[in-house]
Protein backbone atom coordinates (compact mmCIF):
# COMPACT_ATOMS: atom_id res chain seq x y z
CA UNK A 1 -6.04 -21.93 -73.88
CA UNK A 2 -5.25 -21.04 -77.50
CA UNK A 3 -2.30 -22.52 -79.39
CA UNK A 4 0.00 -19.52 -78.86
CA UNK A 5 -0.68 -19.34 -75.14
CA UNK A 6 -0.35 -23.12 -74.82
CA UNK A 7 3.05 -22.99 -76.58
CA UNK A 8 4.24 -20.12 -74.38
CA UNK A 9 3.10 -22.01 -71.27
CA UNK A 10 4.96 -25.16 -72.33
CA UNK A 11 8.06 -23.17 -73.30
CA UNK A 12 8.29 -21.39 -69.94
CA UNK A 13 7.60 -24.52 -67.89
CA UNK A 14 9.66 -27.04 -69.84
CA UNK A 15 12.75 -24.81 -70.13
CA UNK A 16 12.14 -23.06 -66.79
CA UNK A 17 13.33 -19.76 -68.25
CA UNK A 18 12.91 -17.86 -64.97
CA UNK A 19 15.37 -20.26 -63.34
CA UNK A 20 18.07 -19.35 -65.87
CA UNK A 21 18.38 -15.88 -64.29
CA UNK A 22 20.85 -16.91 -61.53
CA UNK A 23 23.01 -18.69 -64.13
CA UNK A 24 23.07 -15.71 -66.48
CA UNK A 25 23.60 -13.14 -63.71
CA UNK A 26 26.52 -15.16 -62.29
CA UNK A 27 28.25 -15.02 -65.68
CA UNK A 28 27.35 -11.34 -66.10
CA UNK A 29 29.13 -10.46 -62.83
CA UNK A 30 32.31 -12.05 -64.14
CA UNK A 31 31.96 -10.51 -67.60
CA UNK A 32 31.36 -7.01 -66.19
CA UNK A 33 34.35 -7.33 -63.87
CA UNK A 34 36.44 -8.38 -66.89
CA UNK A 35 35.31 -5.28 -68.78
CA UNK A 36 36.81 -3.11 -66.04
CA UNK A 37 40.16 -4.65 -66.97
CA UNK A 38 39.86 -5.34 -70.70
CA UNK A 39 37.34 -3.95 -73.20
CA UNK A 40 36.43 -7.25 -74.86
CA UNK A 41 32.73 -6.69 -75.48
CA UNK A 42 32.09 -9.59 -77.86
CA UNK A 43 33.23 -12.19 -75.33
CA UNK A 44 31.40 -10.33 -72.55
CA UNK A 45 28.18 -10.82 -74.55
CA UNK A 46 28.81 -14.33 -75.88
CA UNK A 47 29.67 -15.93 -72.55
CA UNK A 48 26.39 -15.02 -70.76
CA UNK A 49 24.47 -16.01 -73.91
CA UNK A 50 26.20 -19.39 -73.90
CA UNK A 51 25.45 -19.75 -70.18
CA UNK A 52 21.77 -19.03 -70.89
CA UNK A 53 21.52 -22.06 -73.21
CA UNK A 54 23.66 -24.14 -70.85
CA UNK A 55 21.25 -23.24 -68.01
CA UNK A 56 18.24 -24.46 -70.01
CA UNK A 57 20.20 -27.63 -70.84
CA UNK A 58 21.03 -28.19 -67.16
CA UNK A 59 17.46 -27.56 -65.98
CA UNK A 60 15.99 -29.89 -68.58
CA UNK A 61 18.50 -32.70 -67.97
CA UNK A 62 17.92 -32.41 -64.21
CA UNK A 63 14.17 -32.72 -64.80
CA UNK A 64 14.71 -35.68 -67.12
CA UNK A 65 16.85 -37.65 -64.66
CA UNK A 66 14.60 -36.77 -61.71
CA UNK A 67 11.69 -38.02 -63.84
CA UNK A 68 13.52 -41.26 -64.57
CA UNK A 69 14.37 -41.77 -60.90
CA UNK A 70 10.78 -40.93 -59.88
CA UNK A 71 11.86 -38.43 -57.21
CA UNK A 72 9.74 -35.51 -58.40
CA UNK A 73 6.73 -37.74 -59.00
CA UNK A 74 6.93 -39.01 -55.43
CA UNK A 75 7.26 -35.44 -54.17
CA UNK A 76 4.10 -34.21 -55.85
CA UNK A 77 2.16 -37.39 -55.12
CA UNK A 78 2.81 -36.69 -51.45
CA UNK A 79 1.80 -33.03 -51.77
CA UNK A 80 -1.66 -32.06 -50.55
CA UNK A 81 -3.61 -30.80 -53.60
CA UNK A 82 -5.53 -28.20 -51.62
CA UNK A 83 -2.24 -26.85 -50.29
CA UNK A 84 -0.80 -26.79 -53.82
CA UNK A 85 -3.74 -24.72 -55.06
CA UNK A 86 -3.37 -22.26 -52.19
CA UNK A 87 0.36 -22.00 -52.79
CA UNK A 88 -0.16 -21.34 -56.51
CA UNK A 89 -2.53 -18.53 -55.60
CA UNK A 90 -0.25 -17.09 -52.92
CA UNK A 91 2.90 -17.18 -55.07
CA UNK A 92 3.34 -16.62 -58.80
CA UNK A 93 3.77 -19.72 -60.96
CA UNK A 94 7.24 -18.45 -61.82
CA UNK A 95 8.28 -18.93 -58.19
CA UNK A 96 6.13 -21.87 -57.10
CA UNK A 97 7.28 -24.86 -59.10
CA UNK A 98 4.26 -27.00 -59.93
CA UNK A 99 6.12 -30.15 -60.85
CA UNK A 100 8.44 -31.90 -63.27
CA UNK A 101 7.48 -31.11 -66.89
CA UNK A 102 8.00 -34.76 -67.88
CA UNK A 103 5.76 -36.00 -65.05
CA UNK A 104 3.11 -33.43 -65.96
CA UNK A 105 3.06 -34.52 -69.60
CA UNK A 106 4.24 -31.15 -70.93
CA UNK A 107 6.96 -32.96 -72.87
CA UNK A 108 7.62 -36.61 -73.71
CA UNK A 109 10.85 -38.43 -72.95
CA UNK A 110 11.60 -38.63 -76.68
CA UNK A 111 10.88 -34.94 -77.16
CA UNK A 112 12.94 -34.12 -74.09
CA UNK A 113 15.97 -36.00 -75.39
CA UNK A 114 15.74 -34.16 -78.70
CA UNK A 115 15.45 -30.81 -76.97
CA UNK A 116 18.41 -31.65 -74.70
CA UNK A 117 20.54 -32.44 -77.77
CA UNK A 118 19.39 -29.23 -79.47
CA UNK A 119 20.29 -27.08 -76.46
CA UNK A 120 23.66 -28.81 -76.17
CA UNK A 121 24.33 -28.19 -79.87
CA UNK A 122 23.43 -24.48 -79.59
CA UNK A 123 25.60 -24.07 -76.48
CA UNK A 124 28.54 -25.78 -78.22
CA UNK A 125 28.10 -23.62 -81.33
CA UNK A 126 28.13 -20.39 -79.32
CA UNK A 127 31.14 -21.72 -77.40
CA UNK A 128 33.25 -22.08 -80.58
CA UNK A 129 34.38 -18.43 -80.81
CA UNK A 130 34.91 -18.43 -77.04
CA UNK A 131 37.19 -21.46 -77.39
CA UNK A 132 39.06 -19.81 -80.28
CA UNK A 133 39.54 -16.73 -78.10
CA UNK A 134 40.57 -18.50 -74.90
CA UNK A 135 42.21 -21.65 -76.25
CA UNK A 136 42.65 -24.93 -74.40
CA UNK A 137 41.90 -23.22 -71.09
CA UNK A 138 38.28 -22.74 -72.14
CA UNK A 139 37.92 -26.43 -73.00
CA UNK A 140 39.28 -27.50 -69.62
CA UNK A 141 37.13 -25.06 -67.64
CA UNK A 142 34.11 -25.86 -69.80
CA UNK A 143 34.58 -29.57 -69.12
CA UNK A 144 34.66 -28.90 -65.37
CA UNK A 145 31.49 -26.81 -65.60
CA UNK A 146 29.73 -29.51 -67.63
CA UNK A 147 30.77 -32.22 -65.15
CA UNK A 148 29.46 -30.28 -62.15
CA UNK A 149 26.15 -29.35 -63.79
CA UNK A 150 25.34 -32.57 -65.66
CA UNK A 151 26.19 -35.04 -62.90
CA UNK A 152 24.19 -33.13 -60.32
CA UNK A 153 21.33 -35.55 -61.12
CA UNK A 154 22.74 -37.76 -63.89
CA UNK A 155 23.78 -41.33 -63.07
CA UNK A 156 26.03 -42.91 -62.08
CA UNK A 157 27.22 -40.08 -59.81
CA UNK A 158 23.92 -38.29 -59.07
CA UNK A 159 25.72 -35.92 -56.69
CA UNK A 160 22.48 -34.33 -55.51
CA UNK A 161 21.25 -37.55 -53.93
CA UNK A 162 24.56 -38.28 -52.19
CA UNK A 163 24.74 -35.19 -50.01
CA UNK A 164 27.07 -33.38 -52.41
CA UNK A 165 24.48 -31.48 -54.43
CA UNK A 166 24.62 -28.30 -52.33
CA UNK A 167 28.41 -28.14 -52.59
CA UNK A 168 28.15 -28.92 -56.30
CA UNK A 169 25.76 -26.00 -56.85
CA UNK A 170 27.90 -23.59 -54.81
CA UNK A 171 31.06 -24.55 -56.68
CA UNK A 172 29.30 -24.47 -60.05
CA UNK A 173 28.08 -20.89 -59.66
CA UNK A 174 31.31 -19.64 -58.11
CA UNK A 175 33.16 -21.27 -61.00
CA UNK A 176 30.70 -19.79 -63.51
CA UNK A 177 31.30 -16.25 -62.28
CA UNK A 178 35.08 -16.62 -62.12
CA UNK A 179 35.23 -18.47 -65.46
CA UNK A 180 33.38 -15.63 -67.21
CA UNK A 181 36.00 -13.20 -65.93
CA UNK A 182 39.09 -15.34 -66.41
CA UNK A 183 38.37 -16.41 -70.00
CA UNK A 184 38.27 -12.75 -71.05
CA UNK A 185 41.20 -11.43 -69.02
CA UNK A 186 43.24 -14.61 -68.36
CA UNK A 187 44.67 -12.98 -65.27
CA UNK A 188 44.01 -14.02 -61.67
CA UNK A 189 42.13 -11.60 -59.40
CA UNK A 190 41.56 -12.05 -55.67
CA UNK A 191 38.68 -9.58 -55.79
CA UNK A 192 36.90 -11.59 -58.50
CA UNK A 193 37.55 -14.78 -56.55
CA UNK A 194 35.90 -13.29 -53.44
CA UNK A 195 32.93 -12.08 -55.49
CA UNK A 196 32.61 -15.52 -57.09
CA UNK A 197 32.57 -17.25 -53.69
CA UNK A 198 29.80 -14.93 -52.44
CA UNK A 199 27.78 -15.70 -55.57
CA UNK A 200 28.26 -19.44 -55.02
CA UNK A 201 27.21 -19.24 -51.36
CA UNK A 202 23.98 -17.43 -52.16
CA UNK A 203 22.99 -19.88 -54.88
CA UNK A 204 23.95 -22.82 -52.65
CA UNK A 205 21.43 -21.47 -50.13
CA UNK A 206 18.85 -21.34 -52.94
CA UNK A 207 19.42 -25.06 -53.45
CA UNK A 208 19.16 -25.85 -49.74
CA UNK A 209 15.92 -23.92 -49.14
CA UNK A 210 14.36 -25.44 -52.27
CA UNK A 211 15.10 -28.94 -50.97
CA UNK A 212 13.15 -28.34 -47.75
CA UNK A 213 9.65 -28.67 -49.22
CA UNK A 214 10.68 -31.92 -50.93
CA UNK A 215 12.42 -33.44 -47.91
CA UNK A 216 9.97 -36.29 -47.32
CA UNK A 217 9.89 -37.23 -51.00
CA UNK A 218 13.69 -37.25 -51.23
CA UNK A 219 13.83 -39.40 -48.11
CA UNK A 220 11.24 -41.79 -49.55
CA UNK A 221 13.26 -42.03 -52.78
CA UNK A 222 16.38 -42.97 -50.80
CA UNK A 223 18.19 -39.72 -51.48
CA UNK A 224 20.49 -38.29 -48.84
CA UNK A 225 20.75 -34.58 -49.55
CA UNK A 226 21.76 -32.11 -46.84
CA UNK A 227 18.17 -31.43 -45.70
CA UNK A 228 17.45 -35.16 -45.36
CA UNK A 229 20.66 -35.66 -43.38
CA UNK A 230 20.38 -32.64 -41.07
CA UNK A 231 16.65 -31.93 -40.98
CA UNK A 232 15.02 -28.53 -41.48
CA UNK A 233 16.55 -26.92 -38.38
CA UNK A 234 20.03 -28.25 -39.13
CA UNK A 235 19.85 -27.10 -42.74
CA UNK A 236 18.62 -23.68 -41.57
CA UNK A 237 21.71 -23.42 -39.37
CA UNK A 238 23.92 -24.24 -42.37
CA UNK A 239 22.15 -21.54 -44.40
CA UNK A 240 22.62 -19.02 -41.58
CA UNK A 241 26.31 -19.87 -41.36
CA UNK A 242 26.71 -19.51 -45.12
CA UNK A 243 25.05 -16.08 -44.99
CA UNK A 244 27.35 -14.95 -42.17
CA UNK A 245 30.39 -16.12 -44.14
CA UNK A 246 29.09 -14.42 -47.28
CA UNK A 247 28.70 -11.07 -45.52
CA UNK A 248 32.14 -11.51 -43.91
CA UNK A 249 33.60 -11.78 -47.41
CA UNK A 250 31.58 -8.70 -48.39
CA UNK A 251 33.25 -6.87 -45.49
CA UNK A 252 36.64 -7.85 -46.92
CA UNK A 253 35.54 -6.42 -50.27
CA UNK A 254 34.50 -3.18 -48.51
CA UNK A 255 38.00 -2.98 -47.03
CA UNK A 256 39.39 -3.22 -50.56
CA UNK A 257 36.94 -0.71 -52.04
CA UNK A 258 34.26 1.14 -50.06
CA UNK A 259 31.68 0.89 -52.89
CA UNK A 260 31.09 -2.78 -52.00
CA UNK A 261 29.21 -1.55 -48.92
CA UNK A 262 26.15 -1.57 -51.19
CA UNK A 263 26.16 -5.38 -50.94
CA UNK A 264 24.87 -5.07 -47.38
CA UNK A 265 21.57 -3.73 -48.72
CA UNK A 266 20.51 -7.39 -49.08
CA UNK A 267 20.65 -8.06 -45.32
CA UNK A 268 16.86 -7.60 -44.81
CA UNK A 269 16.20 -10.41 -47.33
CA UNK A 270 18.50 -12.72 -45.36
CA UNK A 271 16.76 -11.91 -42.07
CA UNK A 272 13.32 -12.50 -43.59
CA UNK A 273 14.30 -15.90 -45.02
CA UNK A 274 15.76 -17.16 -41.73
CA UNK A 275 12.86 -15.71 -39.70
CA UNK A 276 10.33 -17.61 -41.81
CA UNK A 277 12.25 -20.85 -41.28
CA UNK A 278 12.74 -20.33 -37.54
CA UNK A 279 9.26 -19.11 -36.62
CA UNK A 280 7.15 -21.43 -38.83
CA UNK A 281 4.16 -19.08 -38.50
CA UNK A 282 1.92 -20.28 -41.33
CA UNK A 283 1.44 -23.17 -43.75
CA UNK A 284 3.74 -21.53 -46.31
CA UNK A 285 6.71 -21.22 -43.97
CA UNK A 286 8.85 -23.52 -46.14
CA UNK A 287 7.90 -21.75 -49.39
CA UNK A 288 8.21 -18.10 -48.37
CA UNK A 289 12.00 -18.33 -47.78
CA UNK A 290 12.48 -19.70 -51.32
CA UNK A 291 11.37 -16.36 -52.76
CA UNK A 292 13.49 -14.35 -50.31
CA UNK A 293 16.66 -16.36 -50.96
CA UNK A 294 16.04 -16.20 -54.73
CA UNK A 295 15.71 -12.40 -54.48
CA UNK A 296 18.80 -12.27 -52.26
CA UNK A 297 20.95 -14.13 -54.79
CA UNK A 298 19.76 -12.01 -57.73
CA UNK A 299 19.97 -8.73 -55.80
CA UNK A 300 23.51 -9.54 -54.68
CA UNK A 301 24.67 -10.18 -58.25
CA UNK A 302 22.82 -7.13 -59.56
CA UNK A 303 24.49 -4.95 -56.91
CA UNK A 304 27.90 -6.33 -57.90
CA UNK A 305 27.22 -5.17 -61.47
CA UNK A 306 26.07 -1.75 -60.19
CA UNK A 307 29.19 -1.41 -58.02
CA UNK A 308 31.54 -2.33 -60.87
CA UNK A 309 29.74 0.14 -63.14
CA UNK A 310 30.17 2.88 -60.52
CA UNK A 311 33.84 2.06 -60.13
CA UNK A 312 34.34 2.29 -63.90
CA UNK A 313 32.44 5.58 -64.07
CA UNK A 314 34.67 7.06 -61.34
CA UNK A 315 37.80 5.77 -63.09
CA UNK A 316 36.87 7.30 -66.45
CA UNK A 317 35.54 10.56 -64.94
């Protein structure tokens, strides 16, 4: 592997760029909704950009604290190497996470701390004009977002290991979507709140299904996340319930404006994810749903953007 390819490989794996997509898309849904109310393009661009750097910061800090606690190392020590090779071949490396970048030696603890500080500095710098635009409200909401994201794995709270991680993730992404809207418009919207909750539910399910393959390692590390507490079948029932609630909220949105019916195009992805978990047909039955739920979350947010664009086009026609 030449130097350029080696750098690109480290960059993608250390910062987990692919995993920033749900963060960015959540903020884009809020920003696009805001643009249907107020044409504030600069903020609509700056907020998702800031979220992009915040997402890399969150992913890296989560990896760092999981490395320090040893959770991820235990998880991949317990993983069968032959299975890991088959999984890497079956699924792209972007979707099959091959381990903590600190544990794999892709970055040192010292280098990781420096990179964390750099990402935090960039995010704060981009946030300055957003704060000047939105005032004290932005600082308060930003502090809440930082608390939820940082203490997901950071001590002393480590919410993820106390059975609160799934709720933390759901709230974080719902808040992210609504925050992106509210900072620009500074006006409450029930429709945006409903959209934000659906976004949070889908990403919460991403967190739950991702925990399933690491259940034994989390249990061995003394962590008590939802999958450890309820088991695979219990967690699957929670995911199913969250999906039903999410589509119920989509039905409310359809009642408000018929264009939201497009959100139901994601139903096949939901059925596939749950079917894989219920039927357990092959050795990848815990990994296959990860891809489906990831696609579900992204497709849902993309469709929200499409719907809002259509609504604006009809309004201006």
